[in-house]
Amino acid sequence: MFSLRHLAAAQIPRNIRATQPVRATCEFMYGEAVRESVKLGTKLEEWRSCVDHRYEEYNSALNPKWDDFMEEFVEDFEYAARNIVEQYHELESLDFGLDYEHWYAYIEYAVCRAIEPNKTLTTPFFRTIYPTIMGIKAIINGIPEPNEVPGNELVPIVQSIRTYVQIMNKYLEQYDAKYSYKMCDKLQKSYGKTLSEWQGTIRPTIMMKMEFYRNVCSKMRSIYYFIPKVCMKIS
């Protein structure tokens, strides 16, 4: 952990009237101790930066900031939702006798339960977007598409709903690639391991070494100054 030379320097008694060779040794050891302290200070800062970096990586995944793909998604999603709602209200205004069709029941449920209530996502609390989309997806996935082919009047809105689902799936795929639990768990473990090493061994060891070299510096200065005034002092 320490060189024999440094350990020996730490054992030199204070307040002795040293000979010139001893004073030269003290001056040399003082300089070495200062340099070692600087190296240790640099290492301490590097490790502290490493801990902070690991935390930032983890926090960025756990609490994501607004990302470019989110803005693009919100625009596409809201446009698709408004389009579906407009198509639905237009169908409602026409007397097509569509209520008996399974596809119309599917459309009404999807629009009334999922799409129309959430057609606007603009919010300062953008972290609520993901759970909102997960809820919408769960509702739509919970109603399987009918087996028969939709009537001609319903083809456009059915296709719009499918496009709407594709937009959601793309967003969720991009979001999960950066912010999923798997990613958060991985980064949390990395941060936790680094923090544990820092708190348990690295920081205490560095601080102990720095304290040792501070004591060496203090002792070398004490010995060097405890000489006749005609001798040069360490600056």
C-alpha atoms as a PDB file:
ATOM      1  CA  MET A   1       0.000   0.000   0.000  1.00  0.00           C
ATOM      2  CA  PHE A   2       2.883   2.372   0.879  1.00  0.00           C
ATOM      3  CA  SER A   3       6.514   2.117  -0.161  1.00  0.00           C
ATOM      4  CA  LEU A   4       9.057   1.218   2.498  1.00  0.00           C
ATOM      5  CA  ARG A   5      10.653   4.624   1.970  1.00  0.00           C
ATOM      6  CA  HIS A   6       7.422   6.428   2.774  1.00  0.00           C
ATOM      7  CA  LEU A   7       6.761   4.206   5.791  1.00  0.00           C
ATOM      8  CA  ALA A   8      10.250   4.888   7.052  1.00  0.00           C
ATOM      9  CA  ALA A   9       9.762   8.626   6.592  1.00  0.00           C
ATOM     10  CA  ALA A  10       6.613   8.475   8.673  1.00  0.00           C
ATOM     11  CA  GLN A  11       8.608   6.939  11.545  1.00  0.00           C
ATOM     12  CA  ILE A  12      11.196   9.733  11.779  1.00  0.00           C
ATOM     13  CA  PRO A  13      10.730  11.495  15.149  1.00  0.00           C
ATOM     14  CA  ARG A  14       9.600  15.117  15.104  1.00  0.00           C
ATOM     15  CA  ASN A  15      11.559  17.974  16.616  1.00  0.00           C
ATOM     16  CA  ILE A  16      15.009  16.572  16.032  1.00  0.00           C
ATOM     17  CA  ARG A  17      18.023  18.646  15.085  1.00  0.00           C
ATOM     18  CA  ALA A  18      18.690  16.880  11.797  1.00  0.00           C
ATOM     19  CA  THR A  19      21.951  16.676   9.925  1.00  0.00           C
ATOM     20  CA  GLN A  20      22.179  18.024   6.402  1.00  0.00           C
ATOM     21  CA  PRO A  21      21.673  14.548   4.789  1.00  0.00           C
ATOM     22  CA  VAL A  22      18.527  14.062   6.877  1.00  0.00           C
ATOM     23  CA  ARG A  23      17.282  17.519   5.917  1.00  0.00           C
ATOM     24  CA  ALA A  24      17.881  16.720   2.242  1.00  0.00           C
ATOM     25  CA  THR A  25      15.977  13.489   2.668  1.00  0.00           C
ATOM     26  CA  CYS A  26      13.126  15.347   4.362  1.00  0.00           C
ATOM     27  CA  GLU A  27      12.977  17.848   1.534  1.00  0.00           C
ATOM     28  CA  PHE A  28      12.878  15.039  -1.028  1.00  0.00           C
ATOM     29  CA  MET A  29      10.248  13.071   0.902  1.00  0.00           C
ATOM     30  CA  TYR A  30       8.146  16.183   1.369  1.00  0.00           C
ATOM     31  CA  GLY A  31       8.066  16.694  -2.397  1.00  0.00           C
ATOM     32  CA  GLU A  32       7.207  13.039  -2.985  1.00  0.00           C
ATOM     33  CA  ALA A  33       4.417  13.143  -0.404  1.00  0.00           C
ATOM     34  CA  VAL A  34       2.928  16.251  -2.026  1.00  0.00           C
ATOM     35  CA  ARG A  35       2.986  14.591  -5.443  1.00  0.00           C
ATOM     36  CA  GLU A  36       1.378  11.446  -4.057  1.00  0.00           C
ATOM     37  CA  SER A  37      -1.330  13.550  -2.387  1.00  0.00           C
ATOM     38  CA  VAL A  38      -2.067  15.288  -5.692  1.00  0.00           C
ATOM     39  CA  LYS A  39      -2.316  11.920  -7.473  1.00  0.00           C
ATOM     40  CA  LEU A  40      -4.676  10.627  -4.802  1.00  0.00           C
ATOM     41  CA  GLY A  41      -6.794  13.790  -5.046  1.00  0.00           C
ATOM     42  CA  THR A  42      -7.052  13.289  -8.803  1.00  0.00           C
ATOM     43  CA  LYS A  43      -8.006   9.641  -8.332  1.00  0.00           C
ATOM     44  CA  LEU A  44     -10.632  10.657  -5.765  1.00  0.00           C
ATOM     45  CA  GLU A  45     -12.210  13.100  -8.211  1.00  0.00           C
ATOM     46  CA  GLU A  46     -12.115  10.546 -11.034  1.00  0.00           C
ATOM     47  CA  TRP A  47     -13.940   7.994  -8.923  1.00  0.00           C
ATOM     48  CA  ARG A  48     -16.454  10.552  -7.701  1.00  0.00           C
ATOM     49  CA  SER A  49     -17.108  11.521 -11.332  1.00  0.00           C
ATOM     50  CA  CYS A  50     -17.520   7.855 -12.208  1.00  0.00           C
ATOM     51  CA  VAL A  51     -20.129   7.416  -9.463  1.00  0.00           C
ATOM     52  CA  ASP A  52     -21.960  10.558 -10.635  1.00  0.00           C
ATOM     53  CA  HIS A  53     -21.829   9.349 -14.246  1.00  0.00           C
ATOM     54  CA  ARG A  54     -23.294   5.947 -13.332  1.00  0.00           C
ATOM     55  CA  TYR A  55     -26.057   7.700 -11.409  1.00  0.00           C
ATOM     56  CA  GLU A  56     -26.857  10.025 -14.308  1.00  0.00           C
ATOM     57  CA  GLU A  57     -27.072   7.041 -16.675  1.00  0.00           C
ATOM     58  CA  TYR A  58     -29.468   5.290 -14.323  1.00  0.00           C
ATOM     59  CA  ASN A  59     -31.546   8.382 -13.561  1.00  0.00           C
ATOM     60  CA  SER A  60     -31.850   9.215 -17.272  1.00  0.00           C
ATOM     61  CA  ALA A  61     -33.357   5.780 -17.902  1.00  0.00           C
ATOM     62  CA  LEU A  62     -35.590   5.841 -14.813  1.00  0.00           C
ATOM     63  CA  ASN A  63     -36.780   9.438 -15.315  1.00  0.00           C
ATOM     64  CA  PRO A  64     -36.436  10.092 -19.067  1.00  0.00           C
ATOM     65  CA  LYS A  65     -36.332  13.606 -20.359  1.00  0.00           C
ATOM     66  CA  TRP A  66     -38.241  14.715 -23.427  1.00  0.00           C
ATOM     67  CA  ASP A  67     -36.738  12.953 -26.433  1.00  0.00           C
ATOM     68  CA  ASP A  68     -36.986  13.805 -30.135  1.00  0.00           C
ATOM     69  CA  PHE A  69     -38.875  10.632 -30.991  1.00  0.00           C
ATOM     70  CA  MET A  70     -41.455  11.491 -28.322  1.00  0.00           C
ATOM     71  CA  GLU A  71     -42.257  14.806 -29.964  1.00  0.00           C
ATOM     72  CA  GLU A  72     -42.635  13.136 -33.348  1.00  0.00           C
ATOM     73  CA  PHE A  73     -44.821  10.461 -31.807  1.00  0.00           C
ATOM     74  CA  VAL A  74     -47.134  12.935 -30.077  1.00  0.00           C
ATOM     75  CA  GLU A  75     -47.714  14.778 -33.359  1.00  0.00           C
ATOM     76  CA  ASP A  76     -48.447  11.584 -35.309  1.00  0.00           C
ATOM     77  CA  PHE A  77     -50.518  10.089 -32.523  1.00  0.00           C
ATOM     78  CA  GLU A  78     -52.730  13.119 -31.970  1.00  0.00           C
ATOM     79  CA  TYR A  79     -53.266  13.551 -35.704  1.00  0.00           C
ATOM     80  CA  ALA A  80     -54.272   9.888 -36.068  1.00  0.00           C
ATOM     81  CA  ALA A  81     -56.589  10.076 -33.036  1.00  0.00           C
ATOM     82  CA  ARG A  82     -58.351  13.229 -34.302  1.00  0.00           C
ATOM     83  CA  ASN A  83     -58.756  11.631 -37.714  1.00  0.00           C
ATOM     84  CA  ILE A  84     -60.384   8.510 -36.222  1.00  0.00           C
ATOM     85  CA  VAL A  85     -62.721  10.538 -34.009  1.00  0.00           C
ATOM     86  CA  GLU A  86     -63.793  12.671 -36.983  1.00  0.00           C
ATOM     87  CA  GLN A  87     -64.433   9.561 -39.069  1.00  0.00           C
ATOM     88  CA  TYR A  88     -66.437   8.034 -36.264  1.00  0.00           C
ATOM     89  CA  HIS A  89     -68.620  11.114 -35.782  1.00  0.00           C
ATOM     90  CA  GLU A  90     -69.183  11.264 -39.534  1.00  0.00           C
ATOM     91  CA  LEU A  91     -70.340   7.648 -39.542  1.00  0.00           C
ATOM     92  CA  GLU A  92     -72.609   8.415 -36.602  1.00  0.00           C
ATOM     93  CA  SER A  93     -74.263  11.220 -38.564  1.00  0.00           C
ATOM     94  CA  LEU A  94     -75.095   8.914 -41.469  1.00  0.00           C
ATOM     95  CA  ASP A  95     -78.011   6.523 -41.532  1.00  0.00           C
ATOM     96  CA  PHE A  96     -76.220   3.383 -42.700  1.00  0.00           C
ATOM     97  CA  GLY A  97     -77.801   0.984 -40.213  1.00  0.00           C
ATOM     98  CA  LEU A  98     -74.337  -0.097 -39.058  1.00  0.00           C
ATOM     99  CA  ASP A  99     -75.158  -0.882 -35.420  1.00  0.00           C
ATOM    100  CA  TYR A 100     -75.740  -4.575 -36.125  1.00  0.00           C
ATOM    101  CA  GLU A 101     -72.231  -5.139 -37.493  1.00  0.00           C
ATOM    102  CA  HIS A 102     -69.556  -6.657 -35.257  1.00  0.00           C
ATOM    103  CA  TRP A 103     -67.019  -4.271 -36.754  1.00  0.00           C
ATOM    104  CA  TYR A 104     -69.077  -1.282 -35.715  1.00  0.00           C
ATOM    105  CA  ALA A 105     -69.214  -2.555 -32.133  1.00  0.00           C
ATOM    106  CA  TYR A 106     -65.433  -2.941 -32.238  1.00  0.00           C
ATOM    107  CA  ILE A 107     -64.990   0.594 -33.607  1.00  0.00           C
ATOM    108  CA  GLU A 108     -67.350   2.182 -31.102  1.00  0.00           C
ATOM    109  CA  TYR A 109     -65.691   0.482 -28.145  1.00  0.00           C
ATOM    110  CA  ALA A 110     -62.175   1.409 -29.295  1.00  0.00           C
ATOM    111  CA  VAL A 111     -63.113   5.021 -30.007  1.00  0.00           C
ATOM    112  CA  CYS A 112     -65.276   5.667 -26.961  1.00  0.00           C
ATOM    113  CA  ARG A 113     -63.147   3.821 -24.402  1.00  0.00           C
ATOM    114  CA  ALA A 114     -59.607   4.427 -25.632  1.00  0.00           C
ATOM    115  CA  ILE A 115     -59.099   6.802 -28.527  1.00  0.00           C
ATOM    116  CA  GLU A 116     -61.381   9.796 -27.979  1.00  0.00           C
ATOM    117  CA  PRO A 117     -60.699  10.252 -24.212  1.00  0.00           C
ATOM    118  CA  ASN A 118     -56.960  10.323 -24.902  1.00  0.00           C
ATOM    119  CA  LYS A 119     -56.746  12.063 -28.250  1.00  0.00           C
ATOM    120  CA  THR A 120     -54.606  14.857 -26.738  1.00  0.00           C
ATOM    121  CA  LEU A 121     -51.299  13.980 -25.108  1.00  0.00           C
ATOM    122  CA  THR A 122     -49.782  17.457 -24.796  1.00  0.00           C
ATOM    123  CA  THR A 123     -48.809  17.750 -21.140  1.00  0.00           C
ATOM    124  CA  PRO A 124     -45.906  19.072 -19.076  1.00  0.00           C
ATOM    125  CA  PHE A 125     -45.845  15.689 -17.338  1.00  0.00           C
ATOM    126  CA  PHE A 126     -44.557  13.775 -20.325  1.00  0.00           C
ATOM    127  CA  ARG A 127     -43.765  10.719 -18.193  1.00  0.00           C
ATOM    128  CA  THR A 128     -47.503  10.099 -18.039  1.00  0.00           C
ATOM    129  CA  ILE A 129     -47.556   9.496 -21.806  1.00  0.00           C
ATOM    130  CA  TYR A 130     -46.083   5.999 -21.567  1.00  0.00           C
ATOM    131  CA  PRO A 131     -48.618   4.613 -19.052  1.00  0.00           C
ATOM    132  CA  THR A 132     -51.397   6.316 -21.025  1.00  0.00           C
ATOM    133  CA  ILE A 133     -50.309   4.574 -24.229  1.00  0.00           C
ATOM    134  CA  MET A 134     -49.955   1.261 -22.402  1.00  0.00           C
ATOM    135  CA  GLY A 135     -53.523   1.667 -21.154  1.00  0.00           C
ATOM    136  CA  ILE A 136     -54.845   2.481 -24.636  1.00  0.00           C
ATOM    137  CA  LYS A 137     -52.993  -0.497 -26.108  1.00  0.00           C
ATOM    138  CA  ALA A 138     -54.380  -2.816 -23.396  1.00  0.00           C
ATOM    139  CA  ILE A 139     -57.946  -1.699 -24.157  1.00  0.00           C
ATOM    140  CA  ILE A 140     -57.591  -2.155 -27.923  1.00  0.00           C
ATOM    141  CA  ASN A 141     -55.751  -5.479 -27.555  1.00  0.00           C
ATOM    142  CA  GLY A 142     -58.550  -6.633 -25.276  1.00  0.00           C
ATOM    143  CA  ILE A 143     -61.085  -6.456 -28.128  1.00  0.00           C
ATOM    144  CA  PRO A 144     -60.098  -8.841 -30.938  1.00  0.00           C
ATOM    145  CA  GLU A 145     -60.926  -7.770 -34.464  1.00  0.00           C
ATOM    146  CA  PRO A 146     -64.017  -9.491 -35.863  1.00  0.00           C
ATOM    147  CA  ASN A 147     -63.384 -12.356 -38.281  1.00  0.00           C
ATOM    148  CA  GLU A 148     -65.543 -11.048 -41.117  1.00  0.00           C
ATOM    149  CA  VAL A 149     -64.489  -8.441 -43.638  1.00  0.00           C
ATOM    150  CA  PRO A 150     -65.685  -4.936 -42.670  1.00  0.00           C
ATOM    151  CA  GLY A 151     -68.293  -3.243 -44.837  1.00  0.00           C
ATOM    152  CA  ASN A 152     -67.110  -0.696 -47.370  1.00  0.00           C
ATOM    153  CA  GLU A 153     -68.257   2.179 -45.197  1.00  0.00           C
ATOM    154  CA  LEU A 154     -66.037   0.986 -42.313  1.00  0.00           C
ATOM    155  CA  VAL A 155     -62.864   0.138 -44.237  1.00  0.00           C
ATOM    156  CA  PRO A 156     -61.333   3.660 -43.906  1.00  0.00           C
ATOM    157  CA  ILE A 157     -61.782   3.911 -40.136  1.00  0.00           C
ATOM    158  CA  VAL A 158     -60.648   0.329 -39.585  1.00  0.00           C
ATOM    159  CA  GLN A 159     -57.478   1.084 -41.501  1.00  0.00           C
ATOM    160  CA  SER A 160     -57.042   4.299 -39.508  1.00  0.00           C
ATOM    161  CA  ILE A 161     -57.284   2.373 -36.232  1.00  0.00           C
ATOM    162  CA  ARG A 162     -54.701  -0.137 -37.460  1.00  0.00           C
ATOM    163  CA  THR A 163     -52.369   2.738 -38.389  1.00  0.00           C
ATOM    164  CA  TYR A 164     -53.012   4.251 -34.959  1.00  0.00           C
ATOM    165  CA  VAL A 165     -51.954   0.980 -33.313  1.00  0.00           C
ATOM    166  CA  GLN A 166     -48.815   0.830 -35.480  1.00  0.00           C
ATOM    167  CA  ILE A 167     -47.849   4.332 -34.327  1.00  0.00           C
ATOM    168  CA  MET A 168     -48.296   3.288 -30.692  1.00  0.00           C
ATOM    169  CA  ASN A 169     -46.261   0.113 -31.176  1.00  0.00           C
ATOM    170  CA  LYS A 170     -43.404   2.042 -32.799  1.00  0.00           C
ATOM    171  CA  TYR A 171     -43.357   4.502 -29.918  1.00  0.00           C
ATOM    172  CA  LEU A 172     -43.381   1.742 -27.296  1.00  0.00           C
ATOM    173  CA  GLU A 173     -40.589  -0.083 -29.106  1.00  0.00           C
ATOM    174  CA  GLN A 174     -38.404   3.047 -29.207  1.00  0.00           C
ATOM    175  CA  TYR A 175     -39.245   3.941 -25.612  1.00  0.00           C
ATOM    176  CA  ASP A 176     -38.504   0.475 -24.255  1.00  0.00           C
ATOM    177  CA  ALA A 177     -35.202   0.306 -26.125  1.00  0.00           C
ATOM    178  CA  LYS A 178     -33.961   3.201 -23.961  1.00  0.00           C
ATOM    179  CA  TYR A 179     -36.136   3.244 -20.838  1.00  0.00           C
ATOM    180  CA  SER A 180     -37.468  -0.270 -20.215  1.00  0.00           C
ATOM    181  CA  TYR A 181     -37.317  -1.974 -16.825  1.00  0.00           C
ATOM    182  CA  LYS A 182     -34.613  -4.275 -18.204  1.00  0.00           C
ATOM    183  CA  MET A 183     -32.501  -1.233 -19.076  1.00  0.00           C
ATOM    184  CA  CYS A 184     -33.238   0.498 -15.747  1.00  0.00           C
ATOM    185  CA  ASP A 185     -32.408  -2.670 -13.821  1.00  0.00           C
ATOM    186  CA  LYS A 186     -29.099  -3.064 -15.666  1.00  0.00           C
ATOM    187  CA  LEU A 187     -28.086   0.556 -15.067  1.00  0.00           C
ATOM    188  CA  GLN A 188     -29.237   0.479 -11.438  1.00  0.00           C
ATOM    189  CA  LYS A 189     -27.076  -2.587 -10.777  1.00  0.00           C
ATOM    190  CA  SER A 190     -24.089  -0.879 -12.424  1.00  0.00           C
ATOM    191  CA  TYR A 191     -24.638   2.269 -10.364  1.00  0.00           C
ATOM    192  CA  GLY A 192     -25.191   0.272  -7.169  1.00  0.00           C
ATOM    193  CA  LYS A 193     -22.004  -1.755  -7.684  1.00  0.00           C
ATOM    194  CA  THR A 194     -19.929   1.362  -8.378  1.00  0.00           C
ATOM    195  CA  LEU A 195     -21.436   3.204  -5.397  1.00  0.00           C
ATOM    196  CA  SER A 196     -20.813   0.218  -3.116  1.00  0.00           C
ATOM    197  CA  GLU A 197     -17.159   0.018  -4.197  1.00  0.00           C
ATOM    198  CA  TRP A 198     -16.786   3.775  -3.747  1.00  0.00           C
ATOM    199  CA  GLN A 199     -18.333   3.880  -0.284  1.00  0.00           C
ATOM    200  CA  GLY A 200     -16.968   0.557   0.962  1.00  0.00           C
ATOM    201  CA  THR A 201     -13.365   0.448  -0.202  1.00  0.00           C
ATOM    202  CA  ILE A 202     -12.234   3.058  -2.723  1.00  0.00           C
ATOM    203  CA  ARG A 203     -13.046   6.279  -0.858  1.00  0.00           C
ATOM    204  CA  PRO A 204     -11.945   5.042   2.602  1.00  0.00           C
ATOM    205  CA  THR A 205      -8.665   3.717   1.142  1.00  0.00           C
ATOM    206  CA  ILE A 206      -7.915   6.923  -0.741  1.00  0.00           C
ATOM    207  CA  MET A 207      -8.802   9.085   2.251  1.00  0.00           C
ATOM    208  CA  MET A 208      -6.589   6.947   4.504  1.00  0.00           C
ATOM    209  CA  LYS A 209      -3.675   7.291   2.076  1.00  0.00           C
ATOM    210  CA  MET A 210      -4.220  11.039   1.771  1.00  0.00           C
ATOM    211  CA  GLU A 211      -4.218  11.347   5.556  1.00  0.00           C
ATOM    212  CA  PHE A 212      -0.981   9.339   5.684  1.00  0.00           C
ATOM    213  CA  TYR A 213       0.740  11.623   3.167  1.00  0.00           C
ATOM    214  CA  ARG A 214      -0.568  14.733   4.915  1.00  0.00           C
ATOM    215  CA  ASN A 215       1.068  13.441   8.076  1.00  0.00           C
ATOM    216  CA  VAL A 216       4.292  12.720   6.188  1.00  0.00           C
ATOM    217  CA  CYS A 217       4.263  16.260   4.763  1.00  0.00           C
ATOM    218  CA  SER A 218       3.621  17.718   8.200  1.00  0.00           C
ATOM    219  CA  LYS A 219       6.438  15.689   9.758  1.00  0.00           C
ATOM    220  CA  MET A 220       8.949  16.496   7.009  1.00  0.00           C
ATOM    221  CA  ARG A 221       8.154  20.209   7.330  1.00  0.00           C
ATOM    222  CA  SER A 222       8.453  19.987  11.123  1.00  0.00           C
ATOM    223  CA  ILE A 223      11.886  18.366  10.914  1.00  0.00           C
ATOM    224  CA  TYR A 224      13.073  20.714   8.195  1.00  0.00           C
ATOM    225  CA  TYR A 225      11.975  23.830  10.067  1.00  0.00           C
ATOM    226  CA  PHE A 226      13.543  22.606  13.319  1.00  0.00           C
ATOM    227  CA  ILE A 227      17.029  23.623  12.144  1.00  0.00           C
ATOM    228  CA  PRO A 228      19.220  26.749  12.426  1.00  0.00           C
ATOM    229  CA  LYS A 229      17.684  29.744  10.648  1.00  0.00           C
ATOM    230  CA  VAL A 230      20.546  29.934   8.200  1.00  0.00           C
ATOM    231  CA  CYS A 231      19.235  26.826   6.451  1.00  0.00           C
ATOM    232  CA  MET A 232      16.820  27.198   3.566  1.00  0.00           C
ATOM    233  CA  LYS A 233      13.200  26.474   4.358  1.00  0.00           C
ATOM    234  CA  ILE A 234      10.902  24.433   2.185  1.00  0.00           C
ATOM    235  CA  SER A 235       8.604  26.778   0.282  1.00  0.00           C
END
